[in-house]
């Protein structure tokens, strides 16, 4: 399954790397693509939006 979400707080390549690192630790995540210009994240795998947001808790990033 592939889902696209809006993401807040991603402003540079370091942000992209941090988001990918956090989300890739979740079970059932196959691939993550972050687009800085469009402020989106595409996640491939069987994972809920709530689990994605929980993985980013304590950071400046927020999935909408």
C-alpha atoms as a PDB file:
ATOM      1  CA  UNK A   1       0.000   0.000   0.000  1.00  0.00           C
ATOM      2  CA  UNK A   2       1.251   3.493  -0.850  1.00  0.00           C
ATOM      3  CA  UNK A   3      -0.048   6.545   1.049  1.00  0.00           C
ATOM      4  CA  UNK A   4       0.805  10.237   0.687  1.00  0.00           C
ATOM      5  CA  UNK A   5       0.574  12.681   3.589  1.00  0.00           C
ATOM      6  CA  UNK A   6       1.351  16.350   4.150  1.00  0.00           C
ATOM      7  CA  UNK A   7       4.298  16.907   6.459  1.00  0.00           C
ATOM      8  CA  UNK A   8       5.284  20.014   8.397  1.00  0.00           C
ATOM      9  CA  UNK A   9       8.772  21.026   9.527  1.00  0.00           C
ATOM     10  CA  UNK A  10      10.832  19.541   6.680  1.00  0.00           C
ATOM     11  CA  UNK A  11      13.101  22.303   5.348  1.00  0.00           C
ATOM     12  CA  UNK A  12      16.374  20.701   4.221  1.00  0.00           C
ATOM     13  CA  UNK A  13      18.161  17.496   3.325  1.00  0.00           C
ATOM     14  CA  UNK A  14      18.988  16.888   6.969  1.00  0.00           C
ATOM     15  CA  UNK A  15      15.288  17.036   7.808  1.00  0.00           C
ATOM     16  CA  UNK A  16      14.547  14.520   5.055  1.00  0.00           C
ATOM     17  CA  UNK A  17      17.203  12.173   6.425  1.00  0.00           C
ATOM     18  CA  UNK A  18      15.859  12.502   9.972  1.00  0.00           C
ATOM     19  CA  UNK A  19      12.273  11.763   8.896  1.00  0.00           C
ATOM     20  CA  UNK A  20      13.372   8.760   6.836  1.00  0.00           C
ATOM     21  CA  UNK A  21      15.446   7.419   9.732  1.00  0.00           C
ATOM     22  CA  UNK A  22      12.562   7.670  12.213  1.00  0.00           C
ATOM     23  CA  UNK A  23       9.908   6.216   9.894  1.00  0.00           C
ATOM     24  CA  UNK A  24      12.098   3.413   8.559  1.00  0.00           C
ATOM     25  CA  UNK A  25      12.314   1.961  12.081  1.00  0.00           C
ATOM     26  CA  UNK A  26       8.611   1.075  11.944  1.00  0.00           C
ATOM     27  CA  UNK A  27       7.609  -2.473  11.067  1.00  0.00           C
ATOM     28  CA  UNK A  28       5.965  -2.945   7.665  1.00  0.00           C
ATOM     29  CA  UNK A  29       7.467   0.222   6.106  1.00  0.00           C
ATOM     30  CA  UNK A  30       8.948  -0.684   2.721  1.00  0.00           C
ATOM     31  CA  UNK A  31       9.918   2.724   1.304  1.00  0.00           C
ATOM     32  CA  UNK A  32       9.752   6.406   2.247  1.00  0.00           C
ATOM     33  CA  UNK A  33       9.946   9.385  -0.106  1.00  0.00           C
ATOM     34  CA  UNK A  34       9.965  12.963   1.217  1.00  0.00           C
ATOM     35  CA  UNK A  35       9.390  15.960  -1.074  1.00  0.00           C
ATOM     36  CA  UNK A  36      10.594  19.226   0.481  1.00  0.00           C
ATOM     37  CA  UNK A  37       8.996  21.499  -2.134  1.00  0.00           C
ATOM     38  CA  UNK A  38       5.566  19.885  -1.974  1.00  0.00           C
ATOM     39  CA  UNK A  39       5.832  19.215   1.776  1.00  0.00           C
ATOM     40  CA  UNK A  40       4.709  15.613   1.357  1.00  0.00           C
ATOM     41  CA  UNK A  41       5.820  12.178   2.465  1.00  0.00           C
ATOM     42  CA  UNK A  42       4.923   9.011   0.578  1.00  0.00           C
ATOM     43  CA  UNK A  43       5.076   5.837   2.631  1.00  0.00           C
ATOM     44  CA  UNK A  44       4.898   2.376   1.098  1.00  0.00           C
ATOM     45  CA  UNK A  45       3.821  -0.388   3.434  1.00  0.00           C
ATOM     46  CA  UNK A  46       1.138  -1.440   5.859  1.00  0.00           C
ATOM     47  CA  UNK A  47       1.381   1.284   8.502  1.00  0.00           C
ATOM     48  CA  UNK A  48      -1.195   3.704   9.906  1.00  0.00           C
ATOM     49  CA  UNK A  49      -0.982   7.481   9.926  1.00  0.00           C
ATOM     50  CA  UNK A  50      -1.136   7.355  13.716  1.00  0.00           C
ATOM     51  CA  UNK A  51       1.910   5.066  13.869  1.00  0.00           C
ATOM     52  CA  UNK A  52       3.819   7.394  11.536  1.00  0.00           C
ATOM     53  CA  UNK A  53       3.035  10.412  13.705  1.00  0.00           C
ATOM     54  CA  UNK A  54       3.951   8.499  16.864  1.00  0.00           C
ATOM     55  CA  UNK A  55       7.346   7.670  15.319  1.00  0.00           C
ATOM     56  CA  UNK A  56       7.946  11.410  14.853  1.00  0.00           C
ATOM     57  CA  UNK A  57       6.905  12.356  18.383  1.00  0.00           C
ATOM     58  CA  UNK A  58       9.472  14.567  20.073  1.00  0.00           C
ATOM     59  CA  UNK A  59      10.612  16.051  16.754  1.00  0.00           C
ATOM     60  CA  UNK A  60       9.595  19.204  14.884  1.00  0.00           C
ATOM     61  CA  UNK A  61       7.923  17.136  12.151  1.00  0.00           C
ATOM     62  CA  UNK A  62       4.188  16.557  11.952  1.00  0.00           C
ATOM     63  CA  UNK A  63       2.220  14.435   9.519  1.00  0.00           C
ATOM     64  CA  UNK A  64      -1.206  15.776   8.537  1.00  0.00           C
END
